[in-house]
Amino acid sequence: MISRKVVVANKPGLCVELWAEIVRCAKEFESYVSIEIDRKRVSAKKILELLQLRIRPGATVIMRARGRDENNALDTVCRLIEQGSASIDEEKR
């Protein structure tokens, strides 16, 4: 298992869309991917669990991944969290 601290993209209006994209991304990997804030940890593959954490832009979260493709999974999901989604940015322009 590997883990990393990540700061959530500070872009207003991205909350629900960003988490939905993170779920889609996490589901592409075989590894278990989780997100933790305030000692509460949930699967990054379940949108309802993620939304219940009420993570706000600018918050620091701990991402964890465990499995065969854990490095790739963690790198990809963390990048999305840190930068927000390019596709969402394009739609809002």
C-alpha atoms as a PDB file:
ATOM      1  CA  MET A   1       0.000   0.000   0.000  1.00  0.00           C
ATOM      2  CA  ILE A   2       1.211   3.469  -0.862  1.00  0.00           C
ATOM      3  CA  SER A   3      -0.121   6.830   0.264  1.00  0.00           C
ATOM      4  CA  ARG A   4       0.262  10.502  -0.493  1.00  0.00           C
ATOM      5  CA  LYS A   5      -1.036  13.819   0.875  1.00  0.00           C
ATOM      6  CA  VAL A   6      -2.788  15.915  -1.749  1.00  0.00           C
ATOM      7  CA  VAL A   7      -4.340  19.397  -1.763  1.00  0.00           C
ATOM      8  CA  VAL A   8      -7.713  19.483  -3.528  1.00  0.00           C
ATOM      9  CA  ALA A   9      -7.874  21.824  -6.530  1.00  0.00           C
ATOM     10  CA  ASN A  10      -9.063  25.239  -5.439  1.00  0.00           C
ATOM     11  CA  LYS A  11     -11.453  25.886  -8.326  1.00  0.00           C
ATOM     12  CA  PRO A  12     -14.956  27.057  -7.387  1.00  0.00           C
ATOM     13  CA  GLY A  13     -17.816  25.074  -8.879  1.00  0.00           C
ATOM     14  CA  LEU A  14     -15.855  21.876  -9.429  1.00  0.00           C
ATOM     15  CA  CYS A  15     -16.794  19.918  -6.316  1.00  0.00           C
ATOM     16  CA  VAL A  16     -19.409  17.405  -7.503  1.00  0.00           C
ATOM     17  CA  GLU A  17     -18.081  17.224 -11.072  1.00  0.00           C
ATOM     18  CA  LEU A  18     -14.533  16.696  -9.865  1.00  0.00           C
ATOM     19  CA  TRP A  19     -15.502  13.898  -7.469  1.00  0.00           C
ATOM     20  CA  ALA A  20     -17.564  12.172 -10.181  1.00  0.00           C
ATOM     21  CA  GLU A  21     -14.569  12.252 -12.493  1.00  0.00           C
ATOM     22  CA  ILE A  22     -12.306  10.923  -9.728  1.00  0.00           C
ATOM     23  CA  VAL A  23     -14.689   7.991  -9.207  1.00  0.00           C
ATOM     24  CA  ARG A  24     -14.680   7.210 -12.955  1.00  0.00           C
ATOM     25  CA  CYS A  25     -10.899   7.411 -12.991  1.00  0.00           C
ATOM     26  CA  ALA A  26     -10.422   5.241  -9.873  1.00  0.00           C
ATOM     27  CA  LYS A  27     -12.722   2.557 -11.310  1.00  0.00           C
ATOM     28  CA  GLU A  28     -10.386   2.173 -14.290  1.00  0.00           C
ATOM     29  CA  PHE A  29      -7.773   0.639 -12.000  1.00  0.00           C
ATOM     30  CA  GLU A  30      -7.696  -2.794 -10.425  1.00  0.00           C
ATOM     31  CA  SER A  31      -6.215  -1.435  -7.183  1.00  0.00           C
ATOM     32  CA  TYR A  32      -8.239  -0.381  -4.180  1.00  0.00           C
ATOM     33  CA  VAL A  33      -8.045   3.427  -3.965  1.00  0.00           C
ATOM     34  CA  SER A  34      -9.176   5.341  -0.885  1.00  0.00           C
ATOM     35  CA  ILE A  35      -9.350   8.926   0.292  1.00  0.00           C
ATOM     36  CA  GLU A  36      -9.103  10.119   3.884  1.00  0.00           C
ATOM     37  CA  ILE A  37      -9.833  13.393   5.641  1.00  0.00           C
ATOM     38  CA  ASP A  38     -10.310  14.015   9.375  1.00  0.00           C
ATOM     39  CA  ARG A  39      -9.596  10.323  10.105  1.00  0.00           C
ATOM     40  CA  LYS A  40     -12.502   9.206   7.893  1.00  0.00           C
ATOM     41  CA  ARG A  41     -11.490   6.936   5.017  1.00  0.00           C
ATOM     42  CA  VAL A  42     -13.713   5.855   2.112  1.00  0.00           C
ATOM     43  CA  SER A  43     -13.342   4.186  -1.265  1.00  0.00           C
ATOM     44  CA  ALA A  44     -12.532   6.563  -4.114  1.00  0.00           C
ATOM     45  CA  LYS A  45     -14.711   4.352  -6.315  1.00  0.00           C
ATOM     46  CA  LYS A  46     -17.994   5.265  -4.564  1.00  0.00           C
ATOM     47  CA  ILE A  47     -19.431   8.708  -5.232  1.00  0.00           C
ATOM     48  CA  LEU A  48     -21.860   8.739  -2.292  1.00  0.00           C
ATOM     49  CA  GLU A  49     -19.087   7.938   0.178  1.00  0.00           C
ATOM     50  CA  LEU A  50     -16.888  10.681  -1.283  1.00  0.00           C
ATOM     51  CA  LEU A  51     -19.666  13.268  -1.146  1.00  0.00           C
ATOM     52  CA  GLN A  52     -20.417  12.399   2.490  1.00  0.00           C
ATOM     53  CA  LEU A  53     -16.880  13.502   3.402  1.00  0.00           C
ATOM     54  CA  ARG A  54     -17.795  17.059   2.289  1.00  0.00           C
ATOM     55  CA  ILE A  55     -14.277  17.785   1.083  1.00  0.00           C
ATOM     56  CA  ARG A  56     -13.851  21.410   0.055  1.00  0.00           C
ATOM     57  CA  PRO A  57     -11.465  22.952  -2.477  1.00  0.00           C
ATOM     58  CA  GLY A  58      -8.126  23.702  -0.834  1.00  0.00           C
ATOM     59  CA  ALA A  59      -8.440  20.866   1.716  1.00  0.00           C
ATOM     60  CA  THR A  60      -5.589  18.394   2.247  1.00  0.00           C
ATOM     61  CA  VAL A  61      -6.534  14.719   1.901  1.00  0.00           C
ATOM     62  CA  ILE A  62      -4.606  11.462   2.182  1.00  0.00           C
ATOM     63  CA  MET A  63      -4.866   9.188  -0.828  1.00  0.00           C
ATOM     64  CA  ARG A  64      -4.026   5.487  -0.566  1.00  0.00           C
ATOM     65  CA  ALA A  65      -3.809   2.717  -3.134  1.00  0.00           C
ATOM     66  CA  ARG A  66      -3.205  -1.015  -2.793  1.00  0.00           C
ATOM     67  CA  GLY A  67      -2.869  -3.514  -5.624  1.00  0.00           C
ATOM     68  CA  ARG A  68      -0.985  -4.441  -8.781  1.00  0.00           C
ATOM     69  CA  ASP A  69      -1.364  -1.040 -10.424  1.00  0.00           C
ATOM     70  CA  GLU A  70      -1.249   1.035  -7.217  1.00  0.00           C
ATOM     71  CA  ASN A  71       1.479   3.420  -8.400  1.00  0.00           C
ATOM     72  CA  ASN A  72      -0.339   4.256 -11.619  1.00  0.00           C
ATOM     73  CA  ALA A  73      -3.698   4.524  -9.838  1.00  0.00           C
ATOM     74  CA  LEU A  74      -2.376   6.853  -7.143  1.00  0.00           C
ATOM     75  CA  ASP A  75      -0.468   9.055  -9.600  1.00  0.00           C
ATOM     76  CA  THR A  76      -3.481   9.453 -11.882  1.00  0.00           C
ATOM     77  CA  VAL A  77      -6.085  10.101  -9.190  1.00  0.00           C
ATOM     78  CA  CYS A  78      -3.809  12.494  -7.264  1.00  0.00           C
ATOM     79  CA  ARG A  79      -3.126  14.475 -10.422  1.00  0.00           C
ATOM     80  CA  LEU A  80      -6.878  14.890 -10.966  1.00  0.00           C
ATOM     81  CA  ILE A  81      -7.407  16.025  -7.384  1.00  0.00           C
ATOM     82  CA  GLU A  82      -4.534  18.514  -7.464  1.00  0.00           C
ATOM     83  CA  GLN A  83      -5.260  20.024 -10.865  1.00  0.00           C
ATOM     84  CA  GLY A  84      -8.990  19.536 -11.326  1.00  0.00           C
ATOM     85  CA  SER A  85     -10.270  18.269 -14.643  1.00  0.00           C
ATOM     86  CA  ALA A  86      -9.188  19.800 -17.912  1.00  0.00           C
ATOM     87  CA  SER A  87     -12.387  18.580 -19.576  1.00  0.00           C
ATOM     88  CA  ILE A  88     -14.547  20.311 -16.952  1.00  0.00           C
ATOM     89  CA  ASP A  89     -12.529  23.517 -17.334  1.00  0.00           C
ATOM     90  CA  GLU A  90     -13.166  23.431 -21.100  1.00  0.00           C
ATOM     91  CA  GLU A  91     -16.931  22.975 -20.624  1.00  0.00           C
ATOM     92  CA  LYS A  92     -17.175  25.997 -18.289  1.00  0.00           C
ATOM     93  CA  ARG A  93     -15.476  28.402 -20.751  1.00  0.00           C
END
